[in-house]
Amino acid sequence: MRLDLSLLGWIHTSACLAALALGAINLVARKGTSLHRRIGQCYLLAILLVGVTSLGIYRQHRFFFPHWLAIATIVLAALAYAFARFRRPRPLWLHGHITSTVLTYYLLLGGGVNEVFLRVDLLRPLARGFPSPAIGLTQVVLMMLTLIMLIRFNARFSGKRAPAVPPSEDRSNTGQPPTIPAPERSLAS
């Protein structure tokens, strides 16, 4: 395994690992809770650090496709935060938040796939040549799983509204998102 990283590379890798763990926890955790919010904030910081540090890594001594993906990740992370923070546009904010967050996680995993093929000695021969069929097939599987996840989450919360909060408990000025009720389970599920 090749781990010849610069200091920036190690910071980037550490942020990637943190974002992978935090994102995975939030994907399976109950949505809309204070724990979901805190983990989401930590994920936001980690994914922004991933994006910013990746802009400074120039292994090929040029700005190319992965750097554009880093910019897309930063924009999607900002959108995910803005949707959750401001809850606008009213009917679509939750879907915007879900979609933006899942796409940041997809970009993180996609970059990880490429790095694994380039750094793990056993897999490196499969990455030779561009485009690599092995990397391409792995990315297609990852895209399909992401699409399934997007459809599942957006369908699960389709038509869900934040519960009415009595004025004494109104948290709209504190920046805390509303708690989203868990969907009803039926025998068909």
N, C-alpha and C. Protein backbone atom coordinates (compact mmCIF):
# COMPACT_ATOMS: atom_id res chain seq x y z
N MET A 1 0.84 -1.18 0.00
CA MET A 1 0.00 0.00 0.00
C MET A 1 0.89 1.24 0.00
N ARG A 2 0.53 2.20 -0.85
CA ARG A 2 1.31 3.43 -0.96
C ARG A 2 0.67 4.51 -0.11
N LEU A 3 1.40 4.98 0.89
CA LEU A 3 0.91 6.06 1.75
C LEU A 3 1.91 7.21 1.78
N ASP A 4 2.46 7.52 0.62
CA ASP A 4 3.42 8.62 0.50
C ASP A 4 2.67 9.95 0.38
N LEU A 5 2.13 10.41 1.53
CA LEU A 5 1.31 11.60 1.54
C LEU A 5 2.05 12.78 2.14
N SER A 6 1.73 13.96 1.65
CA SER A 6 2.24 15.19 2.25
C SER A 6 1.42 15.48 3.51
N LEU A 7 1.79 16.50 4.24
CA LEU A 7 1.02 16.89 5.42
C LEU A 7 -0.42 17.22 5.02
N LEU A 8 -0.59 17.94 3.92
CA LEU A 8 -1.93 18.27 3.44
C LEU A 8 -2.68 16.99 3.08
N GLY A 9 -1.98 16.03 2.50
CA GLY A 9 -2.59 14.75 2.15
C GLY A 9 -3.08 14.00 3.38
N TRP A 10 -2.30 14.04 4.46
CA TRP A 10 -2.72 13.37 5.70
C TRP A 10 -3.91 14.08 6.33
N ILE A 11 -3.93 15.40 6.28
CA ILE A 11 -5.09 16.15 6.80
C ILE A 11 -6.33 15.80 5.98
N HIS A 12 -6.17 15.77 4.67
CA HIS A 12 -7.26 15.42 3.76
C HIS A 12 -7.76 14.01 4.05
N THR A 13 -6.86 13.06 4.20
CA THR A 13 -7.24 11.68 4.46
C THR A 13 -7.96 11.55 5.80
N SER A 14 -7.46 12.23 6.81
CA SER A 14 -8.11 12.20 8.14
C SER A 14 -9.53 12.78 8.06
N ALA A 15 -9.67 13.89 7.34
CA ALA A 15 -10.99 14.50 7.18
C ALA A 15 -11.92 13.57 6.40
N CYS A 16 -11.39 12.87 5.40
CA CYS A 16 -12.19 11.90 4.64
C CYS A 16 -12.71 10.79 5.54
N LEU A 17 -11.83 10.25 6.37
CA LEU A 17 -12.23 9.16 7.27
C LEU A 17 -13.27 9.64 8.28
N ALA A 18 -13.09 10.84 8.80
CA ALA A 18 -14.08 11.40 9.73
C ALA A 18 -15.42 11.59 9.03
N ALA A 19 -15.39 12.15 7.82
CA ALA A 19 -16.63 12.37 7.07
C ALA A 19 -17.31 11.04 6.72
N LEU A 20 -16.53 10.03 6.37
CA LEU A 20 -17.10 8.71 6.08
C LEU A 20 -17.86 8.17 7.28
N ALA A 21 -17.23 8.24 8.45
CA ALA A 21 -17.86 7.71 9.67
C ALA A 21 -19.09 8.53 10.05
N LEU A 22 -18.95 9.85 10.08
CA LEU A 22 -20.06 10.71 10.48
C LEU A 22 -21.24 10.61 9.51
N GLY A 23 -20.93 10.57 8.22
CA GLY A 23 -21.99 10.44 7.22
C GLY A 23 -22.73 9.13 7.34
N ALA A 24 -22.00 8.05 7.57
CA ALA A 24 -22.63 6.73 7.72
C ALA A 24 -23.55 6.71 8.93
N ILE A 25 -23.09 7.30 10.03
CA ILE A 25 -23.92 7.36 11.24
C ILE A 25 -25.21 8.12 10.95
N ASN A 26 -25.10 9.26 10.30
CA ASN A 26 -26.29 10.07 10.06
C ASN A 26 -27.23 9.45 9.02
N LEU A 27 -26.68 8.64 8.11
CA LEU A 27 -27.55 7.99 7.14
C LEU A 27 -28.47 6.97 7.80
N VAL A 28 -28.00 6.31 8.86
CA VAL A 28 -28.81 5.28 9.50
C VAL A 28 -29.52 5.77 10.76
N ALA A 29 -29.12 6.92 11.28
CA ALA A 29 -29.71 7.43 12.52
C ALA A 29 -31.09 8.03 12.26
N ARG A 30 -31.85 8.19 13.31
CA ARG A 30 -33.16 8.84 13.23
C ARG A 30 -32.96 10.29 12.80
N LYS A 31 -33.76 10.72 11.89
CA LYS A 31 -33.62 12.06 11.33
C LYS A 31 -34.36 13.11 12.16
N GLY A 32 -33.82 14.33 12.17
CA GLY A 32 -34.47 15.46 12.80
C GLY A 32 -34.22 15.60 14.28
N THR A 33 -33.43 14.72 14.87
CA THR A 33 -33.15 14.82 16.30
C THR A 33 -31.97 15.76 16.54
N SER A 34 -31.76 16.11 17.80
CA SER A 34 -30.61 16.97 18.10
C SER A 34 -29.30 16.23 17.82
N LEU A 35 -29.28 14.91 18.02
CA LEU A 35 -28.08 14.13 17.70
C LEU A 35 -27.81 14.17 16.20
N HIS A 36 -28.86 14.02 15.39
CA HIS A 36 -28.72 14.11 13.93
C HIS A 36 -28.14 15.46 13.54
N ARG A 37 -28.62 16.51 14.20
CA ARG A 37 -28.14 17.86 13.89
C ARG A 37 -26.67 18.03 14.25
N ARG A 38 -26.28 17.58 15.44
CA ARG A 38 -24.88 17.72 15.87
C ARG A 38 -23.94 16.92 14.98
N ILE A 39 -24.32 15.68 14.68
CA ILE A 39 -23.48 14.87 13.79
C ILE A 39 -23.43 15.51 12.41
N GLY A 40 -24.56 16.04 11.95
CA GLY A 40 -24.60 16.72 10.66
C GLY A 40 -23.68 17.92 10.61
N GLN A 41 -23.61 18.67 11.69
CA GLN A 41 -22.71 19.83 11.74
C GLN A 41 -21.26 19.38 11.68
N CYS A 42 -20.93 18.31 12.40
CA CYS A 42 -19.56 17.78 12.36
C CYS A 42 -19.24 17.23 10.97
N TYR A 43 -20.23 16.56 10.35
CA TYR A 43 -20.05 16.06 8.98
C TYR A 43 -19.81 17.23 8.03
N LEU A 44 -20.58 18.30 8.19
CA LEU A 44 -20.42 19.48 7.34
C LEU A 44 -19.00 20.02 7.43
N LEU A 45 -18.49 20.16 8.64
CA LEU A 45 -17.11 20.66 8.81
C LEU A 45 -16.10 19.70 8.19
N ALA A 46 -16.30 18.40 8.39
CA ALA A 46 -15.37 17.42 7.83
C ALA A 46 -15.41 17.43 6.31
N ILE A 47 -16.61 17.47 5.72
CA ILE A 47 -16.70 17.42 4.25
C ILE A 47 -16.19 18.72 3.63
N LEU A 48 -16.37 19.84 4.32
CA LEU A 48 -15.79 21.09 3.81
C LEU A 48 -14.26 21.04 3.88
N LEU A 49 -13.72 20.46 4.95
CA LEU A 49 -12.27 20.30 5.05
C LEU A 49 -11.76 19.36 3.96
N VAL A 50 -12.52 18.32 3.66
CA VAL A 50 -12.16 17.41 2.56
C VAL A 50 -12.07 18.20 1.25
N GLY A 51 -13.11 18.98 0.96
CA GLY A 51 -13.14 19.73 -0.29
C GLY A 51 -12.05 20.77 -0.39
N VAL A 52 -11.85 21.52 0.67
CA VAL A 52 -10.84 22.59 0.65
C VAL A 52 -9.43 22.00 0.54
N THR A 53 -9.14 20.96 1.31
CA THR A 53 -7.79 20.38 1.25
C THR A 53 -7.53 19.71 -0.10
N SER A 54 -8.57 19.14 -0.71
CA SER A 54 -8.35 18.50 -2.01
C SER A 54 -8.01 19.51 -3.09
N LEU A 55 -8.43 20.75 -2.90
CA LEU A 55 -8.07 21.79 -3.88
C LEU A 55 -6.57 22.11 -3.85
N GLY A 56 -5.90 21.76 -2.76
CA GLY A 56 -4.46 22.02 -2.66
C GLY A 56 -3.58 20.85 -3.03
N ILE A 57 -4.18 19.73 -3.41
CA ILE A 57 -3.41 18.54 -3.76
C ILE A 57 -3.24 18.49 -5.28
N TYR A 58 -2.01 18.59 -5.71
CA TYR A 58 -1.70 18.63 -7.15
C TYR A 58 -0.71 17.53 -7.51
N ARG A 59 -1.12 16.29 -7.39
CA ARG A 59 -0.21 15.19 -7.71
C ARG A 59 0.22 15.23 -9.18
N GLN A 60 -0.68 15.65 -10.06
CA GLN A 60 -0.34 15.74 -11.48
C GLN A 60 0.06 17.16 -11.87
N HIS A 61 0.26 18.01 -10.90
CA HIS A 61 0.71 19.39 -11.11
C HIS A 61 -0.21 20.20 -12.01
N ARG A 62 -1.51 19.92 -11.90
CA ARG A 62 -2.49 20.70 -12.65
C ARG A 62 -3.85 20.60 -11.98
N PHE A 63 -4.70 21.57 -12.26
CA PHE A 63 -6.08 21.59 -11.78
C PHE A 63 -6.88 20.75 -12.76
N PHE A 64 -7.47 19.63 -12.31
CA PHE A 64 -8.21 18.79 -13.24
C PHE A 64 -9.48 18.25 -12.58
N PHE A 65 -10.09 17.27 -13.22
CA PHE A 65 -11.43 16.78 -12.87
C PHE A 65 -11.68 16.60 -11.37
N PRO A 66 -10.81 15.94 -10.60
CA PRO A 66 -11.08 15.80 -9.17
C PRO A 66 -11.22 17.13 -8.44
N HIS A 67 -10.53 18.15 -8.90
CA HIS A 67 -10.66 19.46 -8.26
C HIS A 67 -12.05 20.05 -8.51
N TRP A 68 -12.60 19.83 -9.70
CA TRP A 68 -13.95 20.29 -9.99
C TRP A 68 -14.97 19.53 -9.13
N LEU A 69 -14.70 18.24 -8.88
CA LEU A 69 -15.58 17.48 -8.00
C LEU A 69 -15.51 18.01 -6.56
N ALA A 70 -14.34 18.48 -6.16
CA ALA A 70 -14.19 19.08 -4.83
C ALA A 70 -15.03 20.36 -4.73
N ILE A 71 -15.02 21.16 -5.78
CA ILE A 71 -15.84 22.38 -5.79
C ILE A 71 -17.32 22.00 -5.74
N ALA A 72 -17.73 20.96 -6.48
CA ALA A 72 -19.12 20.50 -6.43
C ALA A 72 -19.48 20.03 -5.02
N THR A 73 -18.56 19.36 -4.35
CA THR A 73 -18.80 18.89 -2.98
C THR A 73 -19.01 20.07 -2.03
N ILE A 74 -18.18 21.08 -2.15
CA ILE A 74 -18.30 22.27 -1.30
C ILE A 74 -19.65 22.96 -1.54
N VAL A 75 -20.04 23.10 -2.80
CA VAL A 75 -21.33 23.74 -3.13
C VAL A 75 -22.49 22.90 -2.59
N LEU A 76 -22.44 21.58 -2.77
CA LEU A 76 -23.51 20.72 -2.27
C LEU A 76 -23.60 20.75 -0.74
N ALA A 77 -22.44 20.80 -0.07
CA ALA A 77 -22.44 20.87 1.39
C ALA A 77 -23.05 22.19 1.86
N ALA A 78 -22.74 23.27 1.18
CA ALA A 78 -23.32 24.57 1.52
C ALA A 78 -24.83 24.56 1.30
N LEU A 79 -25.27 23.93 0.21
CA LEU A 79 -26.71 23.82 -0.05
C LEU A 79 -27.40 22.98 1.01
N ALA A 80 -26.80 21.86 1.38
CA ALA A 80 -27.39 20.98 2.41
C ALA A 80 -27.57 21.75 3.71
N TYR A 81 -26.56 22.51 4.08
CA TYR A 81 -26.64 23.32 5.30
C TYR A 81 -27.73 24.38 5.17
N ALA A 82 -27.75 25.09 4.04
CA ALA A 82 -28.72 26.17 3.86
C ALA A 82 -30.16 25.64 3.87
N PHE A 83 -30.39 24.50 3.22
CA PHE A 83 -31.74 23.93 3.24
C PHE A 83 -32.17 23.60 4.67
N ALA A 84 -31.29 22.99 5.44
CA ALA A 84 -31.64 22.61 6.82
C ALA A 84 -31.76 23.83 7.72
N ARG A 85 -30.91 24.79 7.53
CA ARG A 85 -30.87 25.97 8.41
C ARG A 85 -32.06 26.91 8.18
N PHE A 86 -32.36 27.19 6.93
CA PHE A 86 -33.38 28.18 6.62
C PHE A 86 -34.73 27.58 6.25
N ARG A 87 -34.76 26.27 5.98
CA ARG A 87 -35.99 25.55 5.62
C ARG A 87 -36.75 26.25 4.50
N ARG A 88 -36.02 26.63 3.47
CA ARG A 88 -36.58 27.29 2.30
C ARG A 88 -36.08 26.58 1.05
N PRO A 89 -36.83 26.51 0.00
CA PRO A 89 -38.24 26.84 -0.12
C PRO A 89 -39.09 25.85 0.70
N ARG A 90 -40.11 26.37 1.31
CA ARG A 90 -40.92 25.60 2.28
C ARG A 90 -41.28 24.19 1.82
N PRO A 91 -41.88 24.02 0.64
CA PRO A 91 -42.31 22.65 0.30
C PRO A 91 -41.15 21.72 -0.10
N LEU A 92 -39.99 22.27 -0.39
CA LEU A 92 -38.91 21.44 -0.95
C LEU A 92 -37.64 21.38 -0.11
N TRP A 93 -37.55 22.10 0.99
CA TRP A 93 -36.29 22.17 1.70
C TRP A 93 -35.79 20.81 2.15
N LEU A 94 -36.69 19.96 2.62
CA LEU A 94 -36.26 18.66 3.13
C LEU A 94 -35.68 17.80 2.01
N HIS A 95 -36.32 17.81 0.85
CA HIS A 95 -35.80 17.04 -0.29
C HIS A 95 -34.47 17.62 -0.76
N GLY A 96 -34.35 18.94 -0.74
CA GLY A 96 -33.08 19.57 -1.11
C GLY A 96 -31.97 19.20 -0.14
N HIS A 97 -32.29 19.18 1.15
CA HIS A 97 -31.31 18.80 2.16
C HIS A 97 -30.88 17.34 1.99
N ILE A 98 -31.85 16.46 1.83
CA ILE A 98 -31.55 15.03 1.66
C ILE A 98 -30.69 14.83 0.42
N THR A 99 -31.11 15.38 -0.69
CA THR A 99 -30.40 15.17 -1.96
C THR A 99 -28.98 15.74 -1.89
N SER A 100 -28.83 16.94 -1.40
CA SER A 100 -27.50 17.55 -1.32
C SER A 100 -26.57 16.75 -0.41
N THR A 101 -27.10 16.31 0.74
CA THR A 101 -26.27 15.56 1.68
C THR A 101 -25.86 14.22 1.12
N VAL A 102 -26.81 13.48 0.54
CA VAL A 102 -26.48 12.17 -0.04
C VAL A 102 -25.48 12.32 -1.18
N LEU A 103 -25.60 13.36 -1.97
CA LEU A 103 -24.66 13.56 -3.08
C LEU A 103 -23.25 13.91 -2.57
N THR A 104 -23.15 14.65 -1.46
CA THR A 104 -21.81 14.89 -0.90
C THR A 104 -21.18 13.58 -0.45
N TYR A 105 -22.00 12.71 0.13
CA TYR A 105 -21.49 11.41 0.58
C TYR A 105 -21.09 10.55 -0.62
N TYR A 106 -21.88 10.60 -1.69
CA TYR A 106 -21.54 9.87 -2.91
C TYR A 106 -20.19 10.34 -3.47
N LEU A 107 -20.00 11.65 -3.53
CA LEU A 107 -18.72 12.18 -4.05
C LEU A 107 -17.56 11.76 -3.16
N LEU A 108 -17.78 11.72 -1.86
CA LEU A 108 -16.76 11.25 -0.93
C LEU A 108 -16.42 9.79 -1.19
N LEU A 109 -17.43 8.95 -1.32
CA LEU A 109 -17.20 7.53 -1.59
C LEU A 109 -16.56 7.31 -2.97
N GLY A 110 -17.01 8.09 -3.96
CA GLY A 110 -16.44 7.96 -5.30
C GLY A 110 -14.96 8.29 -5.33
N GLY A 111 -14.57 9.34 -4.62
CA GLY A 111 -13.15 9.67 -4.51
C GLY A 111 -12.39 8.59 -3.77
N GLY A 112 -13.03 8.02 -2.75
CA GLY A 112 -12.40 6.93 -2.00
C GLY A 112 -12.17 5.70 -2.86
N VAL A 113 -13.12 5.38 -3.72
CA VAL A 113 -12.96 4.25 -4.64
C VAL A 113 -11.73 4.46 -5.51
N ASN A 114 -11.61 5.65 -6.08
CA ASN A 114 -10.45 5.94 -6.94
C ASN A 114 -9.15 5.81 -6.16
N GLU A 115 -9.11 6.33 -4.94
CA GLU A 115 -7.89 6.27 -4.13
C GLU A 115 -7.52 4.83 -3.78
N VAL A 116 -8.52 4.02 -3.45
CA VAL A 116 -8.25 2.62 -3.12
C VAL A 116 -7.63 1.91 -4.31
N PHE A 117 -8.16 2.14 -5.51
CA PHE A 117 -7.60 1.50 -6.70
C PHE A 117 -6.18 1.99 -7.00
N LEU A 118 -5.88 3.22 -6.63
CA LEU A 118 -4.55 3.76 -6.90
C LEU A 118 -3.52 3.42 -5.82
N ARG A 119 -3.97 3.15 -4.61
CA ARG A 119 -3.03 2.99 -3.49
C ARG A 119 -2.88 1.56 -2.98
N VAL A 120 -3.86 0.70 -3.20
CA VAL A 120 -3.76 -0.69 -2.72
C VAL A 120 -3.05 -1.51 -3.79
N ASP A 121 -1.93 -2.09 -3.40
CA ASP A 121 -1.08 -2.82 -4.35
C ASP A 121 -1.84 -3.89 -5.13
N LEU A 122 -2.72 -4.62 -4.46
CA LEU A 122 -3.47 -5.69 -5.10
C LEU A 122 -4.42 -5.17 -6.19
N LEU A 123 -4.95 -3.97 -6.00
CA LEU A 123 -5.92 -3.39 -6.94
C LEU A 123 -5.30 -2.49 -8.00
N ARG A 124 -4.08 -2.01 -7.75
CA ARG A 124 -3.45 -1.07 -8.67
C ARG A 124 -3.37 -1.57 -10.11
N PRO A 125 -3.05 -2.85 -10.36
CA PRO A 125 -3.02 -3.32 -11.76
C PRO A 125 -4.37 -3.20 -12.46
N LEU A 126 -5.46 -3.26 -11.71
CA LEU A 126 -6.79 -3.12 -12.30
C LEU A 126 -7.10 -1.68 -12.72
N ALA A 127 -6.36 -0.73 -12.17
CA ALA A 127 -6.59 0.69 -12.46
C ALA A 127 -5.77 1.19 -13.63
N ARG A 128 -4.96 0.36 -14.21
CA ARG A 128 -4.10 0.79 -15.32
C ARG A 128 -4.96 1.15 -16.54
N GLY A 129 -4.51 2.13 -17.25
CA GLY A 129 -5.24 2.57 -18.44
C GLY A 129 -6.40 3.46 -18.05
N PHE A 130 -6.72 4.39 -18.92
CA PHE A 130 -7.84 5.27 -18.65
C PHE A 130 -8.78 5.23 -19.84
N PRO A 131 -10.01 5.02 -19.66
CA PRO A 131 -10.68 4.77 -18.39
C PRO A 131 -10.51 3.31 -17.99
N SER A 132 -10.43 3.07 -16.71
CA SER A 132 -10.26 1.73 -16.17
C SER A 132 -11.63 1.06 -16.05
N PRO A 133 -11.80 -0.11 -16.69
CA PRO A 133 -13.09 -0.81 -16.57
C PRO A 133 -13.43 -1.17 -15.12
N ALA A 134 -12.43 -1.55 -14.33
CA ALA A 134 -12.69 -1.94 -12.95
C ALA A 134 -13.19 -0.75 -12.13
N ILE A 135 -12.53 0.39 -12.29
CA ILE A 135 -12.97 1.59 -11.57
C ILE A 135 -14.34 2.03 -12.09
N GLY A 136 -14.52 2.00 -13.39
CA GLY A 136 -15.80 2.39 -13.98
C GLY A 136 -16.95 1.54 -13.48
N LEU A 137 -16.77 0.23 -13.43
CA LEU A 137 -17.82 -0.66 -12.95
C LEU A 137 -18.12 -0.40 -11.47
N THR A 138 -17.08 -0.20 -10.69
CA THR A 138 -17.27 0.10 -9.26
C THR A 138 -18.03 1.41 -9.09
N GLN A 139 -17.69 2.41 -9.89
CA GLN A 139 -18.39 3.70 -9.81
C GLN A 139 -19.85 3.58 -10.23
N VAL A 140 -20.13 2.75 -11.24
CA VAL A 140 -21.52 2.56 -11.67
C VAL A 140 -22.34 1.90 -10.56
N VAL A 141 -21.77 0.90 -9.90
CA VAL A 141 -22.46 0.26 -8.77
C VAL A 141 -22.72 1.29 -7.67
N LEU A 142 -21.72 2.11 -7.38
CA LEU A 142 -21.87 3.15 -6.37
C LEU A 142 -22.95 4.16 -6.76
N MET A 143 -23.00 4.53 -8.05
CA MET A 143 -24.03 5.45 -8.53
C MET A 143 -25.43 4.84 -8.36
N MET A 144 -25.56 3.56 -8.69
CA MET A 144 -26.86 2.90 -8.55
C MET A 144 -27.30 2.85 -7.09
N LEU A 145 -26.39 2.52 -6.20
CA LEU A 145 -26.71 2.50 -4.77
C LEU A 145 -27.11 3.89 -4.27
N THR A 146 -26.42 4.91 -4.76
CA THR A 146 -26.75 6.29 -4.39
C THR A 146 -28.14 6.66 -4.90
N LEU A 147 -28.44 6.29 -6.12
CA LEU A 147 -29.76 6.58 -6.68
C LEU A 147 -30.86 5.89 -5.86
N ILE A 148 -30.63 4.64 -5.49
CA ILE A 148 -31.60 3.91 -4.65
C ILE A 148 -31.77 4.62 -3.32
N MET A 149 -30.67 5.05 -2.72
CA MET A 149 -30.73 5.76 -1.44
C MET A 149 -31.49 7.08 -1.59
N LEU A 150 -31.23 7.82 -2.64
CA LEU A 150 -31.94 9.09 -2.87
C LEU A 150 -33.44 8.86 -3.01
N ILE A 151 -33.80 7.87 -3.79
CA ILE A 151 -35.23 7.57 -3.99
C ILE A 151 -35.85 7.13 -2.67
N ARG A 152 -35.17 6.27 -1.95
CA ARG A 152 -35.71 5.76 -0.68
C ARG A 152 -35.92 6.89 0.33
N PHE A 153 -34.89 7.71 0.55
CA PHE A 153 -35.02 8.79 1.54
C PHE A 153 -36.05 9.82 1.12
N ASN A 154 -36.03 10.21 -0.15
CA ASN A 154 -36.99 11.22 -0.60
C ASN A 154 -38.42 10.69 -0.55
N ALA A 155 -38.62 9.41 -0.87
CA ALA A 155 -39.96 8.81 -0.79
C ALA A 155 -40.39 8.67 0.67
N ARG A 156 -39.45 8.31 1.52
CA ARG A 156 -39.76 8.12 2.94
C ARG A 156 -40.26 9.42 3.58
N PHE A 157 -39.69 10.53 3.18
CA PHE A 157 -40.08 11.80 3.78
C PHE A 157 -40.97 12.64 2.86
N SER A 158 -41.48 12.02 1.80
CA SER A 158 -42.38 12.73 0.91
C SER A 158 -43.70 12.99 1.62
N GLY A 159 -44.13 14.23 1.59
CA GLY A 159 -45.38 14.61 2.23
C GLY A 159 -45.26 14.80 3.73
N LYS A 160 -44.08 14.57 4.29
CA LYS A 160 -43.89 14.76 5.73
C LYS A 160 -43.74 16.25 6.00
N ARG A 161 -44.38 16.68 7.02
CA ARG A 161 -44.24 18.07 7.44
C ARG A 161 -43.64 18.06 8.84
N ALA A 162 -42.95 19.11 9.12
CA ALA A 162 -42.43 19.25 10.48
C ALA A 162 -43.62 19.39 11.41
N PRO A 163 -43.58 18.75 12.56
CA PRO A 163 -44.71 18.86 13.48
C PRO A 163 -44.91 20.30 13.94
N ALA A 164 -46.15 20.63 14.22
CA ALA A 164 -46.44 21.97 14.72
C ALA A 164 -45.80 22.13 16.09
N VAL A 165 -45.12 23.21 16.29
CA VAL A 165 -44.43 23.47 17.55
C VAL A 165 -45.17 24.59 18.26
N PRO A 166 -45.56 24.36 19.53
CA PRO A 166 -46.21 25.44 20.27
C PRO A 166 -45.29 26.66 20.34
N PRO A 167 -45.83 27.88 20.36
CA PRO A 167 -45.00 29.08 20.40
C PRO A 167 -43.97 29.08 21.52
N SER A 168 -44.30 28.47 22.66
CA SER A 168 -43.35 28.46 23.78
C SER A 168 -42.13 27.58 23.48
N GLU A 169 -42.28 26.64 22.53
CA GLU A 169 -41.18 25.76 22.18
C GLU A 169 -40.62 26.05 20.80
N ASP A 170 -41.01 27.17 20.21
CA ASP A 170 -40.56 27.52 18.86
C ASP A 170 -39.04 27.65 18.82
N ARG A 171 -38.42 26.86 17.92
CA ARG A 171 -36.96 26.86 17.82
C ARG A 171 -36.49 27.50 16.51
N SER A 172 -37.39 28.20 15.83
CA SER A 172 -37.02 28.73 14.52
C SER A 172 -35.90 29.75 14.59
N ASN A 173 -35.75 30.45 15.70
CA ASN A 173 -34.68 31.43 15.81
C ASN A 173 -33.37 30.84 16.32
N THR A 174 -33.41 29.58 16.79
CA THR A 174 -32.20 28.96 17.33
C THR A 174 -31.42 28.20 16.27
N GLY A 175 -32.03 28.00 15.10
CA GLY A 175 -31.34 27.29 14.04
C GLY A 175 -31.48 25.79 14.15
N GLN A 176 -32.23 25.27 15.14
CA GLN A 176 -32.42 23.84 15.27
C GLN A 176 -33.50 23.40 14.30
N PRO A 177 -33.25 22.32 13.56
CA PRO A 177 -34.26 21.85 12.63
C PRO A 177 -35.40 21.18 13.39
N PRO A 178 -36.57 21.13 12.77
CA PRO A 178 -37.68 20.46 13.43
C PRO A 178 -37.42 18.96 13.48
N THR A 179 -38.02 18.30 14.43
CA THR A 179 -37.92 16.85 14.50
C THR A 179 -38.87 16.28 13.47
N ILE A 180 -38.38 15.37 12.67
CA ILE A 180 -39.18 14.76 11.63
C ILE A 180 -39.68 13.44 12.17
N PRO A 181 -40.99 13.23 12.20
CA PRO A 181 -41.51 11.99 12.77
C PRO A 181 -41.09 10.79 11.93
N ALA A 182 -40.85 9.67 12.62
CA ALA A 182 -40.50 8.43 11.93
C ALA A 182 -41.72 7.97 11.15
N PRO A 183 -41.50 7.40 9.96
CA PRO A 183 -42.64 6.95 9.17
C PRO A 183 -43.34 5.76 9.84
N GLU A 184 -44.61 5.65 9.59
CA GLU A 184 -45.38 4.53 10.13
C GLU A 184 -44.91 3.26 9.43
N ARG A 185 -44.77 2.20 10.18
CA ARG A 185 -44.39 0.90 9.62
C ARG A 185 -45.65 0.11 9.35
N SER A 186 -45.73 -0.48 8.19
CA SER A 186 -46.85 -1.32 7.87
C SER A 186 -46.36 -2.75 7.70
N LEU A 187 -47.28 -3.69 7.64
CA LEU A 187 -46.90 -5.09 7.46
C LEU A 187 -46.26 -5.31 6.10
N ALA A 188 -46.56 -4.46 5.13
CA ALA A 188 -46.00 -4.60 3.79
C ALA A 188 -44.55 -4.19 3.72
N SER A 189 -44.03 -3.44 4.70
CA SER A 189 -42.66 -2.94 4.68
C SER A 189 -41.68 -4.04 4.95
